Amino acid sequence: MSTYKSFAVVGGGKLGMPIVNALAVQNVAVVLLSRSGLDASKVLPAGVTVAAVDTTDAAAVAAVFEKHQVEVVISTITTAAVGAQTVLVDAAKRAGVKLFAPSEFGMTTEGDSKNPKNKIIEYTKAAGVPYARFFNGMITEFLPFLVGFDKDHRKITLVGRGDAAVSFTSIADIAGFVAYVLTTLPPSELANRTFRVQGDRATMNELGPIFKAEVQHTDKIAGPMGEFKTMMLLLTDTGVGSTGWDAEKKAEKSGNEAAGSANALWPGHHWRSIKEVHNL
């Protein structure tokens, strides 16, 4: 069975680096694209290459893909910059890349025509580049930041009702799953497919008992990044926090499209719960 052997990861942040490390374990070729470059001997596993390139220059990016004979491109750039991924799609098309995994790695965006992430999928389709989409809900490690968990006073702060089910997945599980399926499944089972994983599931209100904390509700979050936190918490009320959410029908999908349905593709793996990630 033929599988992909050469990968490029764009973005070396909190998710990009774990994906690079997980791919390295699979014994495949990996090049990390960085605008500033990195010292590979200090931060990357042996055998992983760093390419300093202007990621706004499609020709320059395509040249890197061609040089390293890249088959799969994984983008982990920040949500604020997702629109810039059109350059990566253009470069992938030019270099003959076989599969593009855009920067999703969060709540479901499928069916939301106004969401910039969904627009990238449409752009990728129009370019004729096969894609693989990964939905993992909220990243479990970011929960204390989002809800303002106060260890001393055992309180969390929410905006909205907090009664919709949300998928939570740890960084290690996301990175490991991405690396596993992209290196073990044949190309025919990856192209134009959406993967819905889930490490744990709870409503935002249920985080109170999980963290053994009092739940406080407010109209908006104050302080640093308060506007962002408020927006994210309100989004969970719409249902999109679940990786099985159907934005068009406003209901949970079922069967092979249900929340966590892709977990089975990583047999024998133990998915970490909220309590395990935060040692609760």
C-alpha atoms as a PDB file:
ATOM      1  CA  MET A   1       0.000   0.000   0.000  1.00  0.00           C
ATOM      2  CA  SER A   2       1.450   3.334  -1.078  1.00  0.00           C
ATOM      3  CA  THR A   3       1.472   6.116   1.528  1.00  0.00           C
ATOM      4  CA  TYR A   4       2.855   9.637   1.653  1.00  0.00           C
ATOM      5  CA  LYS A   5       6.526   9.997   2.586  1.00  0.00           C
ATOM      6  CA  SER A   6       7.367  13.693   2.190  1.00  0.00           C
ATOM      7  CA  PHE A   7       5.771  16.519   4.171  1.00  0.00           C
ATOM      8  CA  ALA A   8       5.975  20.271   4.594  1.00  0.00           C
ATOM      9  CA  VAL A   9       4.653  21.990   7.719  1.00  0.00           C
ATOM     10  CA  VAL A  10       3.966  25.709   7.550  1.00  0.00           C
ATOM     11  CA  GLY A  11       4.165  27.398  10.942  1.00  0.00           C
ATOM     12  CA  GLY A  12       6.234  26.270  13.898  1.00  0.00           C
ATOM     13  CA  GLY A  13       3.961  27.371  16.725  1.00  0.00           C
ATOM     14  CA  LYS A  14       2.184  25.565  19.540  1.00  0.00           C
ATOM     15  CA  LEU A  15       0.582  23.055  17.178  1.00  0.00           C
ATOM     16  CA  GLY A  16       2.995  23.162  14.252  1.00  0.00           C
ATOM     17  CA  MET A  17       5.995  21.974  16.246  1.00  0.00           C
ATOM     18  CA  PRO A  18       4.171  19.003  17.832  1.00  0.00           C
ATOM     19  CA  ILE A  19       3.003  17.963  14.349  1.00  0.00           C
ATOM     20  CA  VAL A  20       6.586  18.185  13.075  1.00  0.00           C
ATOM     21  CA  ASN A  21       7.758  16.033  15.987  1.00  0.00           C
ATOM     22  CA  ALA A  22       4.966  13.502  15.460  1.00  0.00           C
ATOM     23  CA  LEU A  23       5.777  13.218  11.762  1.00  0.00           C
ATOM     24  CA  ALA A  24       9.455  12.705  12.552  1.00  0.00           C
ATOM     25  CA  VAL A  25       8.515   9.691  14.681  1.00  0.00           C
ATOM     26  CA  GLN A  26       6.842   8.190  11.603  1.00  0.00           C
ATOM     27  CA  ASN A  27      10.205   8.234   9.806  1.00  0.00           C
ATOM     28  CA  VAL A  28       9.143  10.441   6.904  1.00  0.00           C
ATOM     29  CA  ALA A  29      10.839  13.448   5.318  1.00  0.00           C
ATOM     30  CA  VAL A  30       9.746  16.749   6.881  1.00  0.00           C
ATOM     31  CA  VAL A  31      10.568  20.336   5.977  1.00  0.00           C
ATOM     32  CA  LEU A  32       9.392  23.168   8.209  1.00  0.00           C
ATOM     33  CA  LEU A  33       8.686  26.438   6.418  1.00  0.00           C
ATOM     34  CA  SER A  34       9.453  29.494   8.500  1.00  0.00           C
ATOM     35  CA  ARG A  35       9.637  33.146   7.515  1.00  0.00           C
ATOM     36  CA  SER A  36      12.532  33.785   9.874  1.00  0.00           C
ATOM     37  CA  GLY A  37      14.179  30.368   9.954  1.00  0.00           C
ATOM     38  CA  LEU A  38      14.924  28.236  13.000  1.00  0.00           C
ATOM     39  CA  ASP A  39      17.937  26.548  14.517  1.00  0.00           C
ATOM     40  CA  ALA A  40      17.043  22.955  13.708  1.00  0.00           C
ATOM     41  CA  SER A  41      19.762  21.538  15.954  1.00  0.00           C
ATOM     42  CA  LYS A  42      18.106  23.107  18.996  1.00  0.00           C
ATOM     43  CA  VAL A  43      14.385  22.731  18.437  1.00  0.00           C
ATOM     44  CA  LEU A  44      13.780  19.993  15.876  1.00  0.00           C
ATOM     45  CA  PRO A  45      14.359  16.246  15.680  1.00  0.00           C
ATOM     46  CA  ALA A  46      17.285  15.056  13.618  1.00  0.00           C
ATOM     47  CA  GLY A  47      16.408  14.763   9.953  1.00  0.00           C
ATOM     48  CA  VAL A  48      13.887  17.596   9.896  1.00  0.00           C
ATOM     49  CA  THR A  49      14.858  20.427   7.559  1.00  0.00           C
ATOM     50  CA  VAL A  50      14.087  24.109   8.042  1.00  0.00           C
ATOM     51  CA  ALA A  51      13.462  26.328   5.028  1.00  0.00           C
ATOM     52  CA  ALA A  52      13.424  30.081   5.583  1.00  0.00           C
ATOM     53  CA  VAL A  53      11.072  31.444   2.928  1.00  0.00           C
ATOM     54  CA  ASP A  54       8.708  34.333   2.344  1.00  0.00           C
ATOM     55  CA  THR A  55       5.348  32.577   2.704  1.00  0.00           C
ATOM     56  CA  THR A  56       3.638  35.418   0.825  1.00  0.00           C
ATOM     57  CA  ASP A  57       5.624  34.549  -2.325  1.00  0.00           C
ATOM     58  CA  ALA A  58       3.975  31.627  -4.142  1.00  0.00           C
ATOM     59  CA  ALA A  59       6.923  31.097  -6.480  1.00  0.00           C
ATOM     60  CA  ALA A  60       9.408  30.954  -3.603  1.00  0.00           C
ATOM     61  CA  VAL A  61       7.217  28.563  -1.617  1.00  0.00           C
ATOM     62  CA  ALA A  62       6.680  26.358  -4.677  1.00  0.00           C
ATOM     63  CA  ALA A  63      10.444  26.198  -5.153  1.00  0.00           C
ATOM     64  CA  VAL A  64      10.818  24.828  -1.612  1.00  0.00           C
ATOM     65  CA  PHE A  65       8.089  22.254  -2.221  1.00  0.00           C
ATOM     66  CA  GLU A  66       9.774  21.174  -5.453  1.00  0.00           C
ATOM     67  CA  LYS A  67      13.255  21.022  -3.929  1.00  0.00           C
ATOM     68  CA  HIS A  68      12.067  18.713  -1.159  1.00  0.00           C
ATOM     69  CA  GLN A  69       9.649  16.773  -3.380  1.00  0.00           C
ATOM     70  CA  VAL A  70       6.834  17.557  -0.957  1.00  0.00           C
ATOM     71  CA  GLU A  71       3.711  15.435  -1.306  1.00  0.00           C
ATOM     72  CA  VAL A  72       1.674  16.809   1.611  1.00  0.00           C
ATOM     73  CA  VAL A  73       1.501  20.370   2.946  1.00  0.00           C
ATOM     74  CA  ILE A  74       0.153  20.962   6.459  1.00  0.00           C
ATOM     75  CA  SER A  75      -0.637  24.552   7.387  1.00  0.00           C
ATOM     76  CA  THR A  76      -0.774  25.570  11.050  1.00  0.00           C
ATOM     77  CA  ILE A  77      -0.725  29.336  10.615  1.00  0.00           C
ATOM     78  CA  THR A  78      -2.774  31.449  12.998  1.00  0.00           C
ATOM     79  CA  THR A  79      -6.493  32.026  12.549  1.00  0.00           C
ATOM     80  CA  ALA A  80      -5.854  35.718  11.914  1.00  0.00           C
ATOM     81  CA  ALA A  81      -3.766  34.839   8.853  1.00  0.00           C
ATOM     82  CA  VAL A  82      -5.801  31.984   7.347  1.00  0.00           C
ATOM     83  CA  GLY A  83      -6.711  34.060   4.306  1.00  0.00           C
ATOM     84  CA  ALA A  84      -3.039  34.132   3.320  1.00  0.00           C
ATOM     85  CA  GLN A  85      -3.191  30.395   2.677  1.00  0.00           C
ATOM     86  CA  THR A  86      -4.216  31.108  -0.903  1.00  0.00           C
ATOM     87  CA  VAL A  87      -0.483  31.540  -1.527  1.00  0.00           C
ATOM     88  CA  LEU A  88       0.164  28.050  -0.158  1.00  0.00           C
ATOM     89  CA  VAL A  89      -2.565  26.602  -2.369  1.00  0.00           C
ATOM     90  CA  ASP A  90      -1.113  28.338  -5.429  1.00  0.00           C
ATOM     91  CA  ALA A  91       2.360  27.066  -4.546  1.00  0.00           C
ATOM     92  CA  ALA A  92       1.047  23.546  -3.952  1.00  0.00           C
ATOM     93  CA  LYS A  93      -0.678  23.576  -7.330  1.00  0.00           C
ATOM     94  CA  ARG A  94       2.474  24.788  -9.071  1.00  0.00           C
ATOM     95  CA  ALA A  95       4.702  22.208  -7.362  1.00  0.00           C
ATOM     96  CA  GLY A  96       2.380  19.255  -7.894  1.00  0.00           C
ATOM     97  CA  VAL A  97       1.670  18.700  -4.193  1.00  0.00           C
ATOM     98  CA  LYS A  98      -0.706  15.771  -3.702  1.00  0.00           C
ATOM     99  CA  LEU A  99      -2.576  16.912  -0.558  1.00  0.00           C
ATOM    100  CA  PHE A 100      -3.132  20.157   1.343  1.00  0.00           C
ATOM    101  CA  ALA A 101      -4.227  20.225   4.994  1.00  0.00           C
ATOM    102  CA  PRO A 102      -5.300  23.811   5.732  1.00  0.00           C
ATOM    103  CA  SER A 103      -5.167  25.435   9.139  1.00  0.00           C
ATOM    104  CA  GLU A 104      -8.451  24.268  10.671  1.00  0.00           C
ATOM    105  CA  PHE A 105      -7.611  22.452  13.924  1.00  0.00           C
ATOM    106  CA  GLY A 106     -10.498  23.875  15.904  1.00  0.00           C
ATOM    107  CA  MET A 107     -14.262  24.253  15.834  1.00  0.00           C
ATOM    108  CA  THR A 108     -16.221  23.139  12.779  1.00  0.00           C
ATOM    109  CA  THR A 109     -16.288  25.618   9.907  1.00  0.00           C
ATOM    110  CA  GLU A 110     -17.917  23.361   7.332  1.00  0.00           C
ATOM    111  CA  GLY A 111     -21.017  24.927   5.799  1.00  0.00           C
ATOM    112  CA  ASP A 112     -20.213  28.426   7.087  1.00  0.00           C
ATOM    113  CA  SER A 113     -19.806  30.383   3.850  1.00  0.00           C
ATOM    114  CA  LYS A 114     -18.629  33.497   5.692  1.00  0.00           C
ATOM    115  CA  ASN A 115     -15.852  31.781   7.631  1.00  0.00           C
ATOM    116  CA  PRO A 116     -12.374  32.524   6.176  1.00  0.00           C
ATOM    117  CA  LYS A 117     -11.324  28.915   6.810  1.00  0.00           C
ATOM    118  CA  ASN A 118     -14.217  27.618   4.748  1.00  0.00           C
ATOM    119  CA  LYS A 119     -13.334  30.066   1.974  1.00  0.00           C
ATOM    120  CA  ILE A 120      -9.856  28.522   1.824  1.00  0.00           C
ATOM    121  CA  ILE A 121     -11.429  25.118   1.259  1.00  0.00           C
ATOM    122  CA  GLU A 122     -13.458  26.526  -1.629  1.00  0.00           C
ATOM    123  CA  TYR A 123     -10.307  28.106  -3.058  1.00  0.00           C
ATOM    124  CA  THR A 124      -8.475  24.791  -2.742  1.00  0.00           C
ATOM    125  CA  LYS A 125     -11.286  22.955  -4.516  1.00  0.00           C
ATOM    126  CA  ALA A 126     -11.275  25.498  -7.339  1.00  0.00           C
ATOM    127  CA  ALA A 127      -7.515  25.048  -7.720  1.00  0.00           C
ATOM    128  CA  GLY A 128      -7.955  21.298  -8.045  1.00  0.00           C
ATOM    129  CA  VAL A 129      -5.722  20.515  -5.069  1.00  0.00           C
ATOM    130  CA  PRO A 130      -6.957  17.620  -2.888  1.00  0.00           C
ATOM    131  CA  TYR A 131      -7.413  18.557   0.769  1.00  0.00           C
ATOM    132  CA  ALA A 132      -7.723  16.943   4.192  1.00  0.00           C
ATOM    133  CA  ARG A 133      -9.618  18.827   6.873  1.00  0.00           C
ATOM    134  CA  PHE A 134      -9.140  18.269  10.611  1.00  0.00           C
ATOM    135  CA  PHE A 135     -11.719  19.335  13.225  1.00  0.00           C
ATOM    136  CA  ASN A 136     -10.782  18.832  16.878  1.00  0.00           C
ATOM    137  CA  GLY A 137     -13.041  21.287  18.709  1.00  0.00           C
ATOM    138  CA  MET A 138     -11.319  23.276  21.429  1.00  0.00           C
ATOM    139  CA  ILE A 139      -7.704  22.599  22.319  1.00  0.00           C
ATOM    140  CA  THR A 140      -7.845  21.219  25.848  1.00  0.00           C
ATOM    141  CA  GLU A 141      -4.659  22.926  27.037  1.00  0.00           C
ATOM    142  CA  PHE A 142      -6.163  26.364  26.349  1.00  0.00           C
ATOM    143  CA  LEU A 143      -9.206  25.856  28.589  1.00  0.00           C
ATOM    144  CA  PRO A 144      -7.907  27.568  31.771  1.00  0.00           C
ATOM    145  CA  PHE A 145      -6.991  30.631  29.701  1.00  0.00           C
ATOM    146  CA  LEU A 146     -10.373  30.743  27.978  1.00  0.00           C
ATOM    147  CA  VAL A 147     -12.535  30.406  31.090  1.00  0.00           C
ATOM    148  CA  GLY A 148     -10.214  32.341  33.400  1.00  0.00           C
ATOM    149  CA  PHE A 149      -9.775  29.427  35.775  1.00  0.00           C
ATOM    150  CA  ASP A 150      -8.734  30.770  39.167  1.00  0.00           C
ATOM    151  CA  LYS A 151      -6.956  28.004  41.099  1.00  0.00           C
ATOM    152  CA  ASP A 152      -6.907  29.935  44.361  1.00  0.00           C
ATOM    153  CA  HIS A 153     -10.617  30.740  44.426  1.00  0.00           C
ATOM    154  CA  ARG A 154     -11.764  27.778  42.266  1.00  0.00           C
ATOM    155  CA  LYS A 155     -13.804  29.843  39.821  1.00  0.00           C
ATOM    156  CA  ILE A 156     -14.348  29.860  36.064  1.00  0.00           C
ATOM    157  CA  THR A 157     -16.099  32.590  34.095  1.00  0.00           C
ATOM    158  CA  LEU A 158     -18.422  31.942  31.150  1.00  0.00           C
ATOM    159  CA  VAL A 159     -20.336  34.072  28.668  1.00  0.00           C
ATOM    160  CA  GLY A 160     -23.586  32.756  27.235  1.00  0.00           C
ATOM    161  CA  ARG A 161     -25.716  29.783  28.228  1.00  0.00           C
ATOM    162  CA  GLY A 162     -22.885  27.249  28.289  1.00  0.00           C
ATOM    163  CA  ASP A 163     -25.236  24.338  27.644  1.00  0.00           C
ATOM    164  CA  ALA A 164     -24.087  23.123  24.199  1.00  0.00           C
ATOM    165  CA  ALA A 165     -21.819  20.085  23.904  1.00  0.00           C
ATOM    166  CA  VAL A 166     -18.219  20.910  23.010  1.00  0.00           C
ATOM    167  CA  SER A 167     -15.416  18.658  21.766  1.00  0.00           C
ATOM    168  CA  PHE A 168     -12.040  19.000  23.490  1.00  0.00           C
ATOM    169  CA  THR A 169      -8.783  17.516  22.191  1.00  0.00           C
ATOM    170  CA  SER A 170      -5.233  17.802  23.502  1.00  0.00           C
ATOM    171  CA  ILE A 171      -2.332  19.081  21.415  1.00  0.00           C
ATOM    172  CA  ALA A 172      -0.538  15.741  21.655  1.00  0.00           C
ATOM    173  CA  ASP A 173      -3.614  13.884  20.409  1.00  0.00           C
ATOM    174  CA  ILE A 174      -4.182  16.308  17.530  1.00  0.00           C
ATOM    175  CA  ALA A 175      -0.567  16.176  16.385  1.00  0.00           C
ATOM    176  CA  GLY A 176      -0.322  12.425  16.810  1.00  0.00           C
ATOM    177  CA  PHE A 177      -3.540  11.769  14.917  1.00  0.00           C
ATOM    178  CA  VAL A 178      -2.606  14.046  12.020  1.00  0.00           C
ATOM    179  CA  ALA A 179       0.790  12.385  11.678  1.00  0.00           C
ATOM    180  CA  TYR A 180      -0.637   8.884  12.021  1.00  0.00           C
ATOM    181  CA  VAL A 181      -3.415   9.089   9.437  1.00  0.00           C
ATOM    182  CA  LEU A 182      -1.377  11.065   6.916  1.00  0.00           C
ATOM    183  CA  THR A 183       1.395   8.464   6.987  1.00  0.00           C
ATOM    184  CA  THR A 184      -0.679   5.280   7.222  1.00  0.00           C
ATOM    185  CA  LEU A 185      -3.829   5.786   5.155  1.00  0.00           C
ATOM    186  CA  PRO A 186      -3.555   5.510   1.367  1.00  0.00           C
ATOM    187  CA  PRO A 187      -3.999   8.743  -0.617  1.00  0.00           C
ATOM    188  CA  SER A 188      -7.444   7.647  -1.794  1.00  0.00           C
ATOM    189  CA  GLU A 189      -8.683   7.648   1.817  1.00  0.00           C
ATOM    190  CA  LEU A 190      -7.281  11.099   2.562  1.00  0.00           C
ATOM    191  CA  ALA A 191      -8.246  13.219  -0.428  1.00  0.00           C
ATOM    192  CA  ASN A 192     -11.110  15.676   0.095  1.00  0.00           C
ATOM    193  CA  ARG A 193     -11.968  14.176   3.456  1.00  0.00           C
ATOM    194  CA  THR A 194     -12.939  15.711   6.789  1.00  0.00           C
ATOM    195  CA  PHE A 195     -11.623  14.124   9.985  1.00  0.00           C
ATOM    196  CA  ARG A 196     -13.598  14.739  13.192  1.00  0.00           C
ATOM    197  CA  VAL A 197     -11.714  13.860  16.363  1.00  0.00           C
ATOM    198  CA  GLN A 198     -12.584  14.336  20.008  1.00  0.00           C
ATOM    199  CA  GLY A 199     -10.551  13.656  23.120  1.00  0.00           C
ATOM    200  CA  ASP A 200     -13.317  14.572  25.559  1.00  0.00           C
ATOM    201  CA  ARG A 201     -16.801  16.064  25.455  1.00  0.00           C
ATOM    202  CA  ALA A 202     -18.641  18.368  27.856  1.00  0.00           C
ATOM    203  CA  THR A 203     -20.720  21.513  27.995  1.00  0.00           C
ATOM    204  CA  MET A 204     -19.020  24.651  29.236  1.00  0.00           C
ATOM    205  CA  ASN A 205     -21.200  24.534  32.363  1.00  0.00           C
ATOM    206  CA  GLU A 206     -19.955  21.007  33.069  1.00  0.00           C
ATOM    207  CA  LEU A 207     -16.420  22.361  33.325  1.00  0.00           C
ATOM    208  CA  GLY A 208     -17.354  23.554  36.811  1.00  0.00           C
ATOM    209  CA  PRO A 209     -17.510  20.062  38.335  1.00  0.00           C
ATOM    210  CA  ILE A 210     -14.561  18.907  36.217  1.00  0.00           C
ATOM    211  CA  PHE A 211     -12.330  21.706  37.532  1.00  0.00           C
ATOM    212  CA  LYS A 212     -14.061  21.594  40.930  1.00  0.00           C
ATOM    213  CA  ALA A 213     -14.815  25.267  40.470  1.00  0.00           C
ATOM    214  CA  GLU A 214     -17.746  27.634  40.792  1.00  0.00           C
ATOM    215  CA  VAL A 215     -19.201  28.705  37.428  1.00  0.00           C
ATOM    216  CA  GLN A 216     -19.798  32.432  37.042  1.00  0.00           C
ATOM    217  CA  HIS A 217     -21.715  33.891  34.097  1.00  0.00           C
ATOM    218  CA  THR A 218     -21.111  37.376  32.761  1.00  0.00           C
ATOM    219  CA  ASP A 219     -22.068  39.435  29.706  1.00  0.00           C
ATOM    220  CA  LYS A 220     -18.489  39.831  28.508  1.00  0.00           C
ATOM    221  CA  ILE A 221     -14.942  39.047  29.571  1.00  0.00           C
ATOM    222  CA  ALA A 222     -12.801  41.999  30.594  1.00  0.00           C
ATOM    223  CA  GLY A 223      -9.030  42.297  30.522  1.00  0.00           C
ATOM    224  CA  PRO A 224      -6.411  41.097  28.023  1.00  0.00           C
ATOM    225  CA  MET A 225      -7.962  39.288  25.035  1.00  0.00           C
ATOM    226  CA  GLY A 226     -11.358  39.662  26.682  1.00  0.00           C
ATOM    227  CA  GLU A 227     -13.084  40.323  23.371  1.00  0.00           C
ATOM    228  CA  PHE A 228     -11.604  37.157  21.870  1.00  0.00           C
ATOM    229  CA  LYS A 229     -12.598  35.049  24.882  1.00  0.00           C
ATOM    230  CA  THR A 230     -16.124  36.466  24.798  1.00  0.00           C
ATOM    231  CA  MET A 231     -16.460  35.636  21.108  1.00  0.00           C
ATOM    232  CA  MET A 232     -15.187  32.072  21.561  1.00  0.00           C
ATOM    233  CA  LEU A 233     -17.485  31.371  24.494  1.00  0.00           C
ATOM    234  CA  LEU A 234     -20.513  32.692  22.632  1.00  0.00           C
ATOM    235  CA  LEU A 235     -19.591  30.535  19.643  1.00  0.00           C
ATOM    236  CA  THR A 236     -19.866  27.402  21.763  1.00  0.00           C
ATOM    237  CA  ASP A 237     -23.547  28.185  22.327  1.00  0.00           C
ATOM    238  CA  THR A 238     -24.168  27.832  18.577  1.00  0.00           C
ATOM    239  CA  GLY A 239     -23.062  24.184  18.535  1.00  0.00           C
ATOM    240  CA  VAL A 240     -19.937  24.602  16.382  1.00  0.00           C
ATOM    241  CA  GLY A 241     -17.746  23.537  19.293  1.00  0.00           C
ATOM    242  CA  SER A 242     -18.759  19.944  18.597  1.00  0.00           C
ATOM    243  CA  THR A 243     -16.754  18.326  15.809  1.00  0.00           C
ATOM    244  CA  GLY A 244     -19.939  16.673  14.595  1.00  0.00           C
ATOM    245  CA  TRP A 245     -21.933  19.881  14.223  1.00  0.00           C
ATOM    246  CA  ASP A 246     -23.863  20.462  10.997  1.00  0.00           C
ATOM    247  CA  ALA A 247     -23.998  24.238  10.466  1.00  0.00           C
ATOM    248  CA  GLU A 248     -26.646  24.016   7.758  1.00  0.00           C
ATOM    249  CA  LYS A 249     -29.064  21.761   9.646  1.00  0.00           C
ATOM    250  CA  LYS A 250     -28.020  23.139  13.044  1.00  0.00           C
ATOM    251  CA  ALA A 251     -27.861  19.652  14.475  1.00  0.00           C
ATOM    252  CA  GLU A 252     -25.332  16.939  15.254  1.00  0.00           C
ATOM    253  CA  LYS A 253     -24.181  14.735  12.415  1.00  0.00           C
ATOM    254  CA  SER A 254     -24.210  10.969  12.882  1.00  0.00           C
ATOM    255  CA  GLY A 255     -22.405   7.840  11.756  1.00  0.00           C
ATOM    256  CA  ASN A 256     -19.114   8.480   9.969  1.00  0.00           C
ATOM    257  CA  GLU A 257     -19.587  12.228  10.429  1.00  0.00           C
ATOM    258  CA  ALA A 258     -20.357  12.210  14.144  1.00  0.00           C
ATOM    259  CA  ALA A 259     -18.172  13.989  16.680  1.00  0.00           C
ATOM    260  CA  GLY A 260     -15.116  11.839  17.328  1.00  0.00           C
ATOM    261  CA  SER A 261     -15.932   9.486  14.453  1.00  0.00           C
ATOM    262  CA  ALA A 262     -12.353   9.668  13.153  1.00  0.00           C
ATOM    263  CA  ASN A 263     -10.901   8.507  16.481  1.00  0.00           C
ATOM    264  CA  ALA A 264     -11.297   4.903  15.337  1.00  0.00           C
ATOM    265  CA  LEU A 265      -8.739   5.494  12.585  1.00  0.00           C
ATOM    266  CA  TRP A 266      -6.023   5.494  15.262  1.00  0.00           C
ATOM    267  CA  PRO A 267      -6.549   2.022  16.753  1.00  0.00           C
ATOM    268  CA  GLY A 268      -5.271   1.388  20.253  1.00  0.00           C
ATOM    269  CA  HIS A 269      -4.699   5.058  21.007  1.00  0.00           C
ATOM    270  CA  HIS A 270      -5.812   6.486  24.348  1.00  0.00           C
ATOM    271  CA  TRP A 271      -7.366   9.938  23.925  1.00  0.00           C
ATOM    272  CA  ARG A 272      -6.631  12.232  26.868  1.00  0.00           C
ATOM    273  CA  SER A 273      -9.531  13.645  28.864  1.00  0.00           C
ATOM    274  CA  ILE A 274      -9.765  17.171  30.265  1.00  0.00           C
ATOM    275  CA  LYS A 275      -8.945  15.809  33.715  1.00  0.00           C
ATOM    276  CA  GLU A 276      -5.873  13.989  32.439  1.00  0.00           C
ATOM    277  CA  VAL A 277      -4.517  16.980  30.537  1.00  0.00           C
ATOM    278  CA  HIS A 278      -4.883  19.271  33.552  1.00  0.00           C
ATOM    279  CA  ASN A 279      -4.094  16.702  36.249  1.00  0.00           C
ATOM    280  CA  LEU A 280      -7.450  17.193  37.948  1.00  0.00           C
END
